[in-house]
N, C-alpha and C. Protein backbone atom coordinates (compact mmCIF):
# COMPACT_ATOMS: atom_id res chain seq x y z
N MET A 1 136.31 112.43 109.63
CA MET A 1 135.62 111.60 110.48
C MET A 1 135.80 110.18 110.56
N THR A 2 135.29 109.13 111.21
CA THR A 2 134.93 107.45 111.23
C THR A 2 133.72 107.45 111.00
N GLY A 3 133.35 106.42 110.73
CA GLY A 3 131.91 105.95 110.14
C GLY A 3 130.81 105.95 111.90
N TRP A 4 131.56 105.86 113.26
CA TRP A 4 131.34 106.18 114.31
C TRP A 4 130.91 107.41 114.83
N SER A 5 131.67 108.73 114.74
CA SER A 5 131.33 110.09 114.95
C SER A 5 130.59 110.24 113.83
N ALA A 6 130.00 109.92 112.84
CA ALA A 6 129.22 110.31 111.69
C ALA A 6 127.58 109.81 112.36
N ILE A 7 127.70 108.69 112.61
CA ILE A 7 126.72 108.13 113.68
C ILE A 7 126.59 108.68 114.81
N ALA A 8 126.97 109.53 115.60
CA ALA A 8 127.08 110.29 117.09
C ALA A 8 126.80 112.13 116.57
N ARG A 9 127.33 112.13 115.72
CA ARG A 9 127.06 113.65 115.13
C ARG A 9 125.60 113.47 114.74
N HIS A 10 124.84 112.70 113.78
CA HIS A 10 123.57 113.04 113.61
C HIS A 10 122.40 112.71 114.61
N GLY A 11 122.86 111.44 115.65
CA GLY A 11 122.45 111.23 116.49
C GLY A 11 122.21 112.58 118.04
N ARG A 12 123.31 113.21 118.12
CA ARG A 12 123.26 114.10 118.39
C ARG A 12 122.53 115.37 118.25
N LEU A 13 122.07 115.53 116.33
CA LEU A 13 121.78 116.79 116.14
C LEU A 13 120.16 116.35 116.78
N ALA A 14 119.54 115.03 116.37
CA ALA A 14 118.62 114.35 116.17
C ALA A 14 117.66 114.84 117.63
N LEU A 15 119.01 114.55 118.80
CA LEU A 15 118.52 114.49 120.30
C LEU A 15 118.28 116.05 120.69
N ASP A 16 119.68 116.97 119.97
CA ASP A 16 119.02 118.34 119.95
C ASP A 16 117.78 118.84 119.69
N ARG A 17 117.21 118.72 118.32
CA ARG A 17 115.84 118.92 117.69
C ARG A 17 114.92 118.16 118.62
N GLN A 18 114.60 116.96 119.34
CA GLN A 18 113.92 116.99 120.08
C GLN A 18 114.38 117.66 121.27
N MET A 19 115.25 118.25 121.96
CA MET A 19 115.19 118.70 123.18
C MET A 19 114.45 120.43 122.96
N ALA A 20 114.87 120.59 121.40
CA ALA A 20 114.29 121.94 121.38
C ALA A 20 112.20 121.97 121.34
N ALA A 21 111.97 121.24 120.83
CA ALA A 21 110.73 120.63 120.63
C ALA A 21 109.80 120.48 122.19
N TRP A 22 110.84 119.65 122.91
CA TRP A 22 110.35 119.51 124.31
C TRP A 22 110.28 121.17 125.10
N ARG A 23 110.88 122.16 124.79
CA ARG A 23 111.24 122.97 125.35
C ARG A 23 109.95 124.30 124.93
N SER A 24 109.75 123.87 123.74
CA SER A 24 108.79 124.95 122.66
C SER A 24 107.93 124.00 122.34
N PRO A 25 106.70 123.13 122.60
CA PRO A 25 105.75 122.33 122.06
C PRO A 25 105.04 122.76 120.66
N LEU A 26 104.10 124.04 121.20
CA LEU A 26 103.50 124.57 120.48
C LEU A 26 104.34 125.19 119.39
N THR A 27 105.68 125.37 119.28
CA THR A 27 106.59 126.09 117.86
C THR A 27 106.46 124.73 117.42
N ALA A 28 106.88 123.25 117.75
CA ALA A 28 107.32 122.70 117.29
C ALA A 28 106.00 121.85 116.82
N GLN A 29 105.05 121.67 117.13
CA GLN A 29 104.11 121.66 116.83
C GLN A 29 103.15 121.94 115.76
N GLU A 30 103.30 123.27 115.47
CA GLU A 30 103.00 124.41 113.87
C GLU A 30 104.17 124.51 112.95
N ALA A 31 105.48 123.97 113.30
CA ALA A 31 106.70 123.45 112.55
C ALA A 31 106.15 122.21 111.26
N SER A 32 105.72 121.18 112.48
CA SER A 32 105.36 120.04 112.08
C SER A 32 104.24 120.03 111.26
N LEU A 33 103.22 120.97 111.47
CA LEU A 33 101.96 121.27 110.74
C LEU A 33 102.16 121.90 109.55
N GLN A 34 103.31 122.74 109.10
CA GLN A 34 103.54 123.79 108.24
C GLN A 34 104.36 122.96 106.87
N ARG A 35 104.95 121.62 108.28
CA ARG A 35 105.47 120.71 107.00
C ARG A 35 104.97 119.86 106.32
N VAL A 36 104.04 119.68 106.95
CA VAL A 36 102.49 118.36 106.66
C VAL A 36 101.95 119.17 105.24
N LEU A 37 101.69 120.42 105.64
CA LEU A 37 100.95 121.24 104.95
C LEU A 37 101.40 121.22 103.32
N ARG A 38 103.32 121.89 103.44
CA ARG A 38 103.60 121.94 102.21
C ARG A 38 104.29 120.62 101.72
N LEU A 39 104.17 119.53 102.18
CA LEU A 39 103.89 118.22 101.30
C LEU A 39 103.05 117.91 100.65
N SER A 40 101.45 118.70 101.36
CA SER A 40 100.94 117.66 100.52
C SER A 40 99.15 118.83 100.12
N ALA A 41 99.82 120.16 100.10
CA ALA A 41 98.99 120.91 98.95
C ALA A 41 99.02 120.66 97.97
N GLY A 42 100.44 120.63 97.32
CA GLY A 42 100.48 119.66 96.02
C GLY A 42 99.74 118.54 95.38
N SER A 43 99.02 117.89 96.20
CA SER A 43 98.75 116.58 95.98
C SER A 43 97.53 116.62 95.50
N ALA A 44 97.03 115.37 95.00
CA ALA A 44 95.35 115.20 95.09
C ALA A 44 94.44 115.48 96.45
N PHE A 45 94.58 115.07 97.30
CA PHE A 45 94.64 114.96 98.28
C PHE A 45 94.29 116.47 98.85
N GLY A 46 95.57 117.09 98.82
CA GLY A 46 95.62 118.51 99.33
C GLY A 46 94.42 119.40 98.25
N VAL A 47 95.01 119.28 97.52
CA VAL A 47 94.25 120.03 96.50
C VAL A 47 92.25 119.66 96.71
N GLU A 48 92.14 118.40 96.88
CA GLU A 48 90.67 118.56 97.51
C GLU A 48 90.24 119.13 98.33
N HIS A 49 90.81 119.23 99.49
CA HIS A 49 90.77 119.70 100.42
C HIS A 49 90.79 121.33 100.42
N GLY A 50 91.75 121.91 99.48
CA GLY A 50 92.12 123.26 100.00
C GLY A 50 93.30 123.74 100.88
N LEU A 51 94.37 122.37 100.99
CA LEU A 51 95.51 122.43 102.09
C LEU A 51 96.40 124.09 101.04
N ARG A 52 97.28 124.44 101.92
CA ARG A 52 97.80 125.34 101.31
C ARG A 52 99.05 125.71 102.21
N PRO A 53 100.25 125.94 102.38
CA PRO A 53 101.27 126.38 103.41
C PRO A 53 100.75 127.47 104.51
N GLY A 54 100.75 127.77 105.42
CA GLY A 54 100.27 129.10 106.01
C GLY A 54 99.13 129.08 106.89
N MET A 55 98.31 127.43 106.29
CA MET A 55 96.79 127.41 107.34
C MET A 55 97.12 127.32 108.72
N THR A 56 96.15 127.78 109.44
CA THR A 56 96.31 127.77 110.84
C THR A 56 95.64 126.24 111.13
N LEU A 57 95.62 125.35 112.49
CA LEU A 57 95.58 124.54 112.64
C LEU A 57 93.64 124.20 112.32
N ALA A 58 93.42 125.58 112.93
CA ALA A 58 91.48 125.53 112.93
C ALA A 58 91.33 125.95 111.31
N ASP A 59 91.96 126.06 110.50
CA ASP A 59 91.37 126.15 108.99
C ASP A 59 91.97 125.02 108.62
N TRP A 60 92.86 124.29 109.06
CA TRP A 60 93.15 122.41 108.63
C TRP A 60 91.92 121.56 109.60
N GLN A 61 91.66 121.83 110.23
CA GLN A 61 90.54 120.99 111.10
C GLN A 61 88.97 121.30 110.34
N ALA A 62 89.52 122.40 109.85
CA ALA A 62 87.80 122.69 109.05
C ALA A 62 88.11 122.07 107.70
N ALA A 63 89.08 122.29 106.97
CA ALA A 63 89.64 121.42 105.93
C ALA A 63 89.28 119.74 105.67
N VAL A 64 89.52 119.60 106.53
CA VAL A 64 90.18 117.69 106.58
C VAL A 64 89.26 117.23 107.83
N PRO A 65 87.81 116.79 107.14
CA PRO A 65 87.17 116.35 108.50
C PRO A 65 87.74 115.20 108.54
N VAL A 66 87.66 114.65 110.45
CA VAL A 66 87.65 113.35 110.69
C VAL A 66 87.40 112.57 110.00
N ARG A 67 88.13 111.18 110.17
CA ARG A 67 87.37 110.08 109.28
C ARG A 67 88.39 108.91 109.85
N ASP A 68 87.95 107.02 109.70
CA ASP A 68 88.34 106.46 110.28
C ASP A 68 89.74 106.18 108.86
N ALA A 69 90.24 104.99 109.31
CA ALA A 69 91.35 104.34 108.19
C ALA A 69 90.59 103.63 106.60
N ALA A 70 89.30 103.26 107.09
CA ALA A 70 88.80 102.85 105.97
C ALA A 70 88.43 104.23 105.17
N ALA A 71 88.61 105.02 105.08
CA ALA A 71 88.50 106.16 104.28
C ALA A 71 88.92 106.66 103.31
N PHE A 72 90.19 106.12 103.75
CA PHE A 72 91.34 106.33 103.20
C PHE A 72 91.75 105.27 102.21
N ASP A 73 91.24 104.27 102.24
CA ASP A 73 91.49 103.18 101.59
C ASP A 73 91.28 103.54 99.62
N GLY A 74 90.70 104.05 98.77
CA GLY A 74 90.56 104.75 97.90
C GLY A 74 91.69 105.55 97.92
N TRP A 75 92.20 106.35 98.35
CA TRP A 75 93.39 107.03 98.05
C TRP A 75 94.74 106.00 98.09
N ILE A 76 94.85 105.51 98.80
CA ILE A 76 96.09 104.30 99.54
C ILE A 76 95.63 103.26 97.79
N ARG A 77 94.80 103.00 97.38
CA ARG A 77 94.91 101.88 96.29
C ARG A 77 95.29 102.82 94.62
N ARG A 78 95.02 104.20 94.87
CA ARG A 78 95.52 105.20 93.79
C ARG A 78 97.00 104.96 94.04
N ILE A 79 97.49 105.21 95.42
CA ILE A 79 99.09 104.64 95.05
C ILE A 79 99.62 103.42 94.80
N GLU A 80 98.46 102.43 95.35
CA GLU A 80 99.18 101.19 94.97
C GLU A 80 99.45 101.26 93.63
N ASP A 81 98.46 101.15 92.60
CA ASP A 81 98.27 101.35 91.25
C ASP A 81 99.33 102.16 90.39
N GLY A 82 100.17 103.15 90.98
CA GLY A 82 101.00 103.75 90.26
C GLY A 82 101.04 105.38 90.38
N GLU A 83 99.46 105.69 91.12
CA GLU A 83 99.45 107.03 90.33
C GLU A 83 100.47 108.36 91.94
N GLN A 84 101.24 108.81 90.82
CA GLN A 84 101.76 109.89 92.22
C GLN A 84 101.30 110.78 92.54
N ASN A 85 101.97 111.60 93.70
CA ASN A 85 100.99 112.55 94.12
C ASN A 85 99.55 112.85 94.78
N VAL A 86 99.78 111.45 95.36
CA VAL A 86 98.16 111.21 95.93
C VAL A 86 97.45 111.96 97.46
N LEU A 87 98.66 111.18 98.37
CA LEU A 87 98.99 112.01 99.79
C LEU A 87 99.49 112.77 99.94
N THR A 88 100.60 112.80 99.39
CA THR A 88 101.83 113.79 99.98
C THR A 88 102.48 113.97 98.34
N THR A 89 103.17 114.80 98.05
CA THR A 89 103.84 115.45 97.02
C THR A 89 105.74 114.34 97.29
N ASP A 90 105.71 113.73 98.29
CA ASP A 90 107.07 113.38 98.47
C ASP A 90 106.61 111.52 97.51
N PRO A 91 107.91 111.35 96.98
CA PRO A 91 107.08 109.92 96.60
C PRO A 91 107.15 108.78 97.77
N VAL A 92 106.56 107.90 97.61
CA VAL A 92 106.05 106.50 98.18
C VAL A 92 106.57 105.39 97.63
N LEU A 93 107.89 105.02 99.15
CA LEU A 93 108.11 103.96 98.61
C LEU A 93 108.38 102.33 99.11
N ALA A 94 106.98 102.54 100.40
CA ALA A 94 106.76 101.37 100.78
C ALA A 94 105.44 101.44 101.37
N PHE A 95 104.94 100.35 101.70
CA PHE A 95 103.79 100.11 102.47
C PHE A 95 104.18 99.04 103.19
N GLU A 96 103.39 99.40 104.22
CA GLU A 96 103.47 98.44 105.81
C GLU A 96 101.96 98.77 106.67
N LEU A 97 101.29 97.59 106.70
CA LEU A 97 100.23 96.93 107.93
C LEU A 97 101.09 97.60 109.11
N THR A 98 99.89 98.34 109.96
CA THR A 98 100.17 98.24 111.37
C THR A 98 99.18 97.90 111.66
N GLY A 99 98.84 97.38 113.69
CA GLY A 99 98.19 96.99 113.72
C GLY A 99 97.41 98.09 114.88
């Protein structure tokens, strides 16, 4: 397999996943929620909010109140200070400011 064919294959797989999501958006959204729950359940944020895989959207909405970006400053500072498993159990590779 050439480099270009590997790139094309990867792009095709991503397109196939996106097409499946468009055909069944509720299924795709539920899968996304469950992925977020798996990645965050063991984090400090997840433990504090009682997050666990298998929660419904209503469960998650009840556990995690709506808040503005400033409410996450303390969590983000902990990550900046080198603490692991704060907002997710995935390693944090970089920070980026958004507008």
